[in-house]
């Protein structure tokens, strides 16, 4: 199992140690952003989180949760559920901005495809 990327240390694709590069490495890992997204509203136990993540494998979920805990973005509450830390909530707030942008992007692409001439028309 690989350790969670950390700022000021080399990460995949970058030897600079820039915090942004470490964040991109962490969030670029399969399922990491989805886990963060699903935890944005409430703490979830392992199985409910796995179900919300379309039934991802338990080994991958455990690995990502471990990495997100090492990065101090996720921790466990008294009932054993996973939740975002203050740092994790800050990241989640930033992801909401990306979510809003992605909705505008999708709408613009929809407009362009609606305006494109029908390729089947003679």
N, C-alpha and C. Protein backbone atom coordinates (compact mmCIF):
# COMPACT_ATOMS: atom_id res chain seq x y z
N UNK A 1 0.86 -1.17 0.00
CA UNK A 1 0.00 0.00 0.00
C UNK A 1 0.91 1.24 0.00
N UNK A 2 0.58 2.19 -0.84
CA UNK A 2 1.37 3.41 -0.89
C UNK A 2 0.89 4.41 0.14
N UNK A 3 1.80 5.24 0.60
CA UNK A 3 1.44 6.26 1.57
C UNK A 3 0.70 7.40 0.88
N UNK A 4 -0.08 8.11 1.65
CA UNK A 4 -0.81 9.26 1.11
C UNK A 4 0.19 10.34 0.70
N UNK A 5 -0.07 10.99 -0.43
CA UNK A 5 0.80 12.11 -0.84
C UNK A 5 0.77 13.21 0.22
N UNK A 6 1.90 13.86 0.40
CA UNK A 6 1.98 14.95 1.37
C UNK A 6 2.72 16.12 0.75
N UNK A 7 2.29 17.34 1.08
CA UNK A 7 2.99 18.53 0.58
C UNK A 7 4.46 18.51 0.99
N UNK A 8 5.27 19.13 0.16
CA UNK A 8 6.71 19.31 0.38
C UNK A 8 7.50 18.01 0.25
N UNK A 9 6.86 17.01 -0.37
CA UNK A 9 7.53 15.75 -0.66
C UNK A 9 7.25 15.40 -2.13
N UNK A 10 8.17 14.73 -2.79
CA UNK A 10 7.89 14.31 -4.17
C UNK A 10 6.64 13.43 -4.23
N UNK A 11 5.87 13.59 -5.28
CA UNK A 11 4.66 12.80 -5.50
C UNK A 11 4.65 12.31 -6.94
N UNK A 12 3.69 11.48 -7.28
CA UNK A 12 3.59 11.00 -8.67
C UNK A 12 3.52 12.18 -9.62
N UNK A 13 4.38 12.18 -10.59
CA UNK A 13 4.35 13.21 -11.61
C UNK A 13 5.03 14.52 -11.24
N UNK A 14 5.60 14.63 -10.03
CA UNK A 14 6.23 15.88 -9.63
C UNK A 14 7.25 15.63 -8.52
N UNK A 15 8.40 16.22 -8.69
CA UNK A 15 9.42 16.12 -7.65
C UNK A 15 9.53 17.42 -6.85
N UNK A 16 8.68 18.41 -7.16
CA UNK A 16 8.80 19.74 -6.54
C UNK A 16 8.34 19.79 -5.10
N UNK A 17 7.41 18.95 -4.73
CA UNK A 17 6.86 19.01 -3.38
C UNK A 17 5.83 20.10 -3.20
N UNK A 18 5.39 20.72 -4.29
CA UNK A 18 4.37 21.77 -4.17
C UNK A 18 3.07 21.18 -3.60
N UNK A 19 2.45 21.90 -2.67
CA UNK A 19 1.20 21.40 -2.09
C UNK A 19 0.13 21.08 -3.15
N UNK A 20 0.03 21.90 -4.18
CA UNK A 20 -0.97 21.63 -5.22
C UNK A 20 -0.72 20.29 -5.89
N UNK A 21 0.54 19.98 -6.16
CA UNK A 21 0.86 18.72 -6.81
C UNK A 21 0.52 17.54 -5.91
N UNK A 22 0.75 17.67 -4.62
CA UNK A 22 0.38 16.61 -3.68
C UNK A 22 -1.14 16.44 -3.64
N UNK A 23 -1.87 17.55 -3.63
CA UNK A 23 -3.33 17.49 -3.62
C UNK A 23 -3.85 16.84 -4.90
N UNK A 24 -3.27 17.20 -6.04
CA UNK A 24 -3.71 16.60 -7.30
C UNK A 24 -3.42 15.10 -7.32
N UNK A 25 -2.29 14.70 -6.76
CA UNK A 25 -1.98 13.27 -6.67
C UNK A 25 -3.00 12.56 -5.79
N UNK A 26 -3.28 13.12 -4.62
CA UNK A 26 -4.23 12.50 -3.71
C UNK A 26 -5.62 12.41 -4.33
N UNK A 27 -6.11 13.53 -4.84
CA UNK A 27 -7.47 13.55 -5.39
C UNK A 27 -7.58 12.83 -6.73
N UNK A 28 -6.44 12.63 -7.38
CA UNK A 28 -6.43 11.91 -8.65
C UNK A 28 -6.48 10.40 -8.49
N UNK A 29 -6.37 9.94 -7.29
CA UNK A 29 -6.44 8.50 -7.05
C UNK A 29 -7.88 8.03 -7.19
N UNK A 30 -8.01 6.87 -7.81
CA UNK A 30 -9.33 6.31 -8.10
C UNK A 30 -10.20 6.31 -6.85
N UNK A 31 -11.38 6.87 -6.95
CA UNK A 31 -12.42 6.92 -5.93
C UNK A 31 -12.21 7.97 -4.84
N UNK A 32 -11.05 8.59 -4.75
CA UNK A 32 -10.80 9.53 -3.65
C UNK A 32 -11.80 10.68 -3.65
N UNK A 33 -12.00 11.31 -4.79
CA UNK A 33 -12.94 12.43 -4.85
C UNK A 33 -14.37 11.97 -4.58
N UNK A 34 -14.72 10.80 -5.06
CA UNK A 34 -16.07 10.29 -4.83
C UNK A 34 -16.31 10.08 -3.33
N UNK A 35 -15.33 9.55 -2.63
CA UNK A 35 -15.46 9.36 -1.19
C UNK A 35 -15.65 10.71 -0.51
N UNK A 36 -14.84 11.67 -0.88
CA UNK A 36 -14.96 13.02 -0.31
C UNK A 36 -16.36 13.57 -0.58
N UNK A 37 -16.84 13.39 -1.79
CA UNK A 37 -18.15 13.91 -2.18
C UNK A 37 -19.25 13.26 -1.36
N UNK A 38 -19.18 11.96 -1.16
CA UNK A 38 -20.22 11.26 -0.42
C UNK A 38 -20.20 11.60 1.07
N UNK A 39 -19.07 12.00 1.59
CA UNK A 39 -18.98 12.36 3.01
C UNK A 39 -19.28 13.83 3.27
N UNK A 40 -19.61 14.58 2.23
CA UNK A 40 -19.77 16.03 2.39
C UNK A 40 -20.92 16.41 3.32
N UNK A 41 -21.94 15.57 3.43
CA UNK A 41 -23.10 15.96 4.23
C UNK A 41 -23.19 15.31 5.59
N UNK A 42 -22.67 14.10 5.72
CA UNK A 42 -22.85 13.37 6.97
C UNK A 42 -21.80 12.28 7.10
N UNK A 43 -21.61 11.82 8.32
CA UNK A 43 -20.73 10.68 8.56
C UNK A 43 -21.42 9.42 8.06
N UNK A 44 -20.63 8.51 7.53
CA UNK A 44 -21.17 7.25 7.04
C UNK A 44 -20.31 6.09 7.51
N UNK A 45 -20.95 4.98 7.82
CA UNK A 45 -20.22 3.76 8.12
C UNK A 45 -19.61 3.20 6.85
N UNK A 46 -18.78 2.19 7.01
CA UNK A 46 -18.07 1.61 5.87
C UNK A 46 -19.03 1.10 4.80
N UNK A 47 -19.97 0.26 5.18
CA UNK A 47 -20.90 -0.34 4.20
C UNK A 47 -21.79 0.71 3.52
N UNK A 48 -22.41 1.64 4.26
CA UNK A 48 -23.20 2.67 3.57
C UNK A 48 -22.35 3.51 2.61
N UNK A 49 -21.11 3.80 3.00
CA UNK A 49 -20.24 4.55 2.11
C UNK A 49 -19.92 3.73 0.87
N UNK A 50 -19.66 2.46 1.05
CA UNK A 50 -19.38 1.57 -0.08
C UNK A 50 -20.57 1.52 -1.03
N UNK A 51 -21.78 1.47 -0.49
CA UNK A 51 -22.99 1.45 -1.32
C UNK A 51 -23.15 2.75 -2.09
N UNK A 52 -22.88 3.87 -1.44
CA UNK A 52 -23.00 5.16 -2.13
C UNK A 52 -21.96 5.31 -3.22
N UNK A 53 -20.87 4.58 -3.10
CA UNK A 53 -19.80 4.63 -4.11
C UNK A 53 -19.98 3.50 -5.11
N UNK A 54 -21.22 3.17 -5.41
CA UNK A 54 -21.55 2.16 -6.42
C UNK A 54 -20.91 0.81 -6.15
N UNK A 55 -20.80 0.46 -4.89
CA UNK A 55 -20.30 -0.86 -4.54
C UNK A 55 -18.83 -1.09 -4.87
N UNK A 56 -18.01 -0.06 -4.76
CA UNK A 56 -16.57 -0.23 -5.00
C UNK A 56 -16.04 -1.35 -4.11
N UNK A 57 -14.94 -1.93 -4.49
CA UNK A 57 -14.40 -3.04 -3.71
C UNK A 57 -14.02 -2.56 -2.32
N UNK A 58 -14.18 -3.44 -1.34
CA UNK A 58 -13.87 -3.07 0.04
C UNK A 58 -12.38 -2.80 0.22
N UNK A 59 -11.53 -3.49 -0.53
CA UNK A 59 -10.09 -3.27 -0.38
C UNK A 59 -9.68 -1.89 -0.89
N UNK A 60 -10.26 -1.46 -2.00
CA UNK A 60 -9.95 -0.12 -2.52
C UNK A 60 -10.51 0.95 -1.59
N UNK A 61 -11.73 0.75 -1.11
CA UNK A 61 -12.32 1.71 -0.19
C UNK A 61 -11.47 1.84 1.07
N UNK A 62 -11.03 0.72 1.62
CA UNK A 62 -10.20 0.77 2.82
C UNK A 62 -8.89 1.50 2.55
N UNK A 63 -8.29 1.24 1.39
CA UNK A 63 -7.03 1.90 1.05
C UNK A 63 -7.23 3.41 0.92
N UNK A 64 -8.29 3.83 0.23
CA UNK A 64 -8.53 5.26 0.06
C UNK A 64 -8.85 5.93 1.40
N UNK A 65 -9.65 5.28 2.22
CA UNK A 65 -9.97 5.85 3.52
C UNK A 65 -8.71 6.00 4.37
N UNK A 66 -7.83 5.03 4.31
CA UNK A 66 -6.56 5.12 5.04
C UNK A 66 -5.76 6.31 4.54
N UNK A 67 -5.66 6.48 3.23
CA UNK A 67 -4.92 7.61 2.66
C UNK A 67 -5.55 8.95 3.05
N UNK A 68 -6.87 9.02 2.99
CA UNK A 68 -7.55 10.27 3.35
C UNK A 68 -7.42 10.56 4.85
N UNK A 69 -7.34 9.52 5.66
CA UNK A 69 -7.10 9.72 7.09
C UNK A 69 -5.67 10.19 7.32
N UNK A 70 -4.70 9.58 6.63
CA UNK A 70 -3.30 10.02 6.75
C UNK A 70 -3.15 11.47 6.32
N UNK A 71 -3.93 11.88 5.33
CA UNK A 71 -3.88 13.26 4.84
C UNK A 71 -4.69 14.21 5.72
N UNK A 72 -5.33 13.67 6.75
CA UNK A 72 -6.13 14.43 7.72
C UNK A 72 -7.36 15.10 7.09
N UNK A 73 -7.92 14.45 6.08
CA UNK A 73 -9.14 14.94 5.45
C UNK A 73 -10.36 14.19 5.96
N UNK A 74 -10.15 13.00 6.47
CA UNK A 74 -11.23 12.15 6.97
C UNK A 74 -10.80 11.59 8.31
N UNK A 75 -11.76 11.46 9.23
CA UNK A 75 -11.51 10.75 10.48
C UNK A 75 -12.76 9.95 10.82
N UNK A 76 -12.75 9.33 11.99
CA UNK A 76 -13.89 8.52 12.41
C UNK A 76 -14.54 9.16 13.62
N UNK A 77 -15.86 9.09 13.64
CA UNK A 77 -16.59 9.64 14.78
C UNK A 77 -16.74 8.58 15.88
N UNK A 78 -17.38 8.96 16.97
CA UNK A 78 -17.52 8.06 18.12
C UNK A 78 -18.28 6.78 17.78
N UNK A 79 -19.16 6.85 16.80
CA UNK A 79 -19.94 5.67 16.39
C UNK A 79 -19.21 4.83 15.35
N UNK A 80 -18.01 5.25 14.94
CA UNK A 80 -17.24 4.49 13.96
C UNK A 80 -17.47 4.90 12.52
N UNK A 81 -18.30 5.91 12.30
CA UNK A 81 -18.55 6.40 10.95
C UNK A 81 -17.41 7.27 10.46
N UNK A 82 -17.27 7.34 9.18
CA UNK A 82 -16.26 8.21 8.57
C UNK A 82 -16.87 9.57 8.30
N UNK A 83 -16.09 10.61 8.55
CA UNK A 83 -16.57 11.98 8.35
C UNK A 83 -15.40 12.85 7.90
N UNK A 84 -15.76 13.98 7.32
CA UNK A 84 -14.73 14.94 6.91
C UNK A 84 -14.22 15.71 8.13
N UNK A 85 -12.94 15.95 8.16
CA UNK A 85 -12.34 16.83 9.18
C UNK A 85 -12.54 18.27 8.73
N UNK A 86 -12.05 19.21 9.50
CA UNK A 86 -12.13 20.62 9.09
C UNK A 86 -11.38 20.82 7.76
N UNK A 87 -10.21 20.20 7.62
CA UNK A 87 -9.49 20.29 6.34
C UNK A 87 -10.29 19.64 5.22
N UNK A 88 -10.90 18.51 5.52
CA UNK A 88 -11.73 17.83 4.52
C UNK A 88 -12.93 18.65 4.11
N UNK A 89 -13.55 19.36 5.07
CA UNK A 89 -14.68 20.23 4.75
C UNK A 89 -14.24 21.38 3.87
N UNK A 90 -13.04 21.90 4.14
CA UNK A 90 -12.51 22.96 3.28
C UNK A 90 -12.32 22.47 1.86
N UNK A 91 -11.79 21.27 1.72
CA UNK A 91 -11.62 20.69 0.38
C UNK A 91 -12.98 20.47 -0.27
N UNK A 92 -13.95 20.01 0.52
CA UNK A 92 -15.30 19.79 0.00
C UNK A 92 -15.92 21.08 -0.49
N UNK A 93 -15.71 22.17 0.24
CA UNK A 93 -16.22 23.48 -0.20
C UNK A 93 -15.63 23.84 -1.56
N UNK A 94 -14.35 23.59 -1.74
CA UNK A 94 -13.71 23.88 -3.03
C UNK A 94 -14.27 22.97 -4.12
N UNK A 95 -14.56 21.72 -3.79
CA UNK A 95 -15.14 20.80 -4.77
C UNK A 95 -16.52 21.26 -5.21
N UNK A 96 -17.25 21.90 -4.32
CA UNK A 96 -18.57 22.42 -4.70
C UNK A 96 -18.44 23.47 -5.80
N UNK A 97 -17.39 24.27 -5.72
CA UNK A 97 -17.14 25.23 -6.79
C UNK A 97 -16.86 24.52 -8.11
N UNK A 98 -16.10 23.46 -8.06
CA UNK A 98 -15.83 22.67 -9.27
C UNK A 98 -17.12 22.03 -9.77
N UNK A 99 -17.96 21.60 -8.84
CA UNK A 99 -19.25 21.02 -9.22
C UNK A 99 -20.11 22.05 -9.97
N UNK A 100 -20.17 23.27 -9.45
CA UNK A 100 -20.95 24.32 -10.13
C UNK A 100 -20.39 24.59 -11.52
N UNK A 101 -19.06 24.66 -11.61
CA UNK A 101 -18.43 24.89 -12.91
C UNK A 101 -18.77 23.75 -13.87
N UNK A 102 -18.72 22.50 -13.39
CA UNK A 102 -18.98 21.36 -14.27
C UNK A 102 -20.41 21.38 -14.80
N UNK A 103 -21.35 21.88 -13.99
CA UNK A 103 -22.74 22.00 -14.46
C UNK A 103 -22.84 23.02 -15.59
N UNK A 104 -22.13 24.16 -15.44
CA UNK A 104 -22.12 25.18 -16.51
C UNK A 104 -21.47 24.61 -17.77
N UNK A 105 -20.39 23.88 -17.60
CA UNK A 105 -19.67 23.27 -18.72
C UNK A 105 -20.59 22.30 -19.47
N UNK A 106 -21.27 21.44 -18.72
CA UNK A 106 -22.18 20.47 -19.34
C UNK A 106 -23.30 21.18 -20.11
N UNK A 107 -23.85 22.24 -19.50
CA UNK A 107 -24.93 22.98 -20.16
C UNK A 107 -24.44 23.61 -21.45
N UNK A 108 -23.22 24.17 -21.43
CA UNK A 108 -22.69 24.78 -22.65
C UNK A 108 -22.45 23.73 -23.73
N UNK A 109 -21.93 22.59 -23.34
CA UNK A 109 -21.72 21.53 -24.34
C UNK A 109 -23.05 21.01 -24.88
N UNK A 110 -24.08 20.96 -24.02
CA UNK A 110 -25.40 20.56 -24.48
C UNK A 110 -25.93 21.53 -25.51
N UNK A 111 -25.72 22.84 -25.27
CA UNK A 111 -26.17 23.86 -26.22
C UNK A 111 -25.47 23.69 -27.57
N UNK A 112 -24.19 23.44 -27.54
CA UNK A 112 -23.43 23.27 -28.78
C UNK A 112 -23.93 22.05 -29.54
N UNK A 113 -24.18 20.95 -28.84
CA UNK A 113 -24.64 19.74 -29.54
C UNK A 113 -26.06 19.92 -30.06
N UNK A 114 -26.88 20.73 -29.37
CA UNK A 114 -28.24 21.01 -29.85
C UNK A 114 -28.21 21.87 -31.11
N UNK A 115 -27.20 22.72 -31.21
CA UNK A 115 -27.09 23.62 -32.36
C UNK A 115 -26.44 22.94 -33.57
N UNK A 116 -25.74 21.85 -33.37
CA UNK A 116 -25.04 21.17 -34.47
C UNK A 116 -26.06 20.59 -35.44
N UNK A 117 -25.77 20.71 -36.73
CA UNK A 117 -26.70 20.16 -37.72
C UNK A 117 -26.77 18.63 -37.57
N UNK A 118 -27.93 18.11 -37.82
CA UNK A 118 -28.13 16.66 -37.74
C UNK A 118 -27.34 16.00 -38.86
N UNK A 119 -26.45 15.11 -38.53
CA UNK A 119 -25.59 14.47 -39.52
C UNK A 119 -26.37 13.53 -40.42
N UNK A 120 -27.55 13.09 -39.98
CA UNK A 120 -28.34 12.16 -40.77
C UNK A 120 -29.22 12.87 -41.80
N UNK A 121 -29.40 14.18 -41.62
CA UNK A 121 -30.29 14.93 -42.52
C UNK A 121 -29.65 15.03 -43.91
N UNK A 122 -30.50 14.96 -44.94
CA UNK A 122 -30.01 15.06 -46.33
C UNK A 122 -30.11 16.46 -46.82
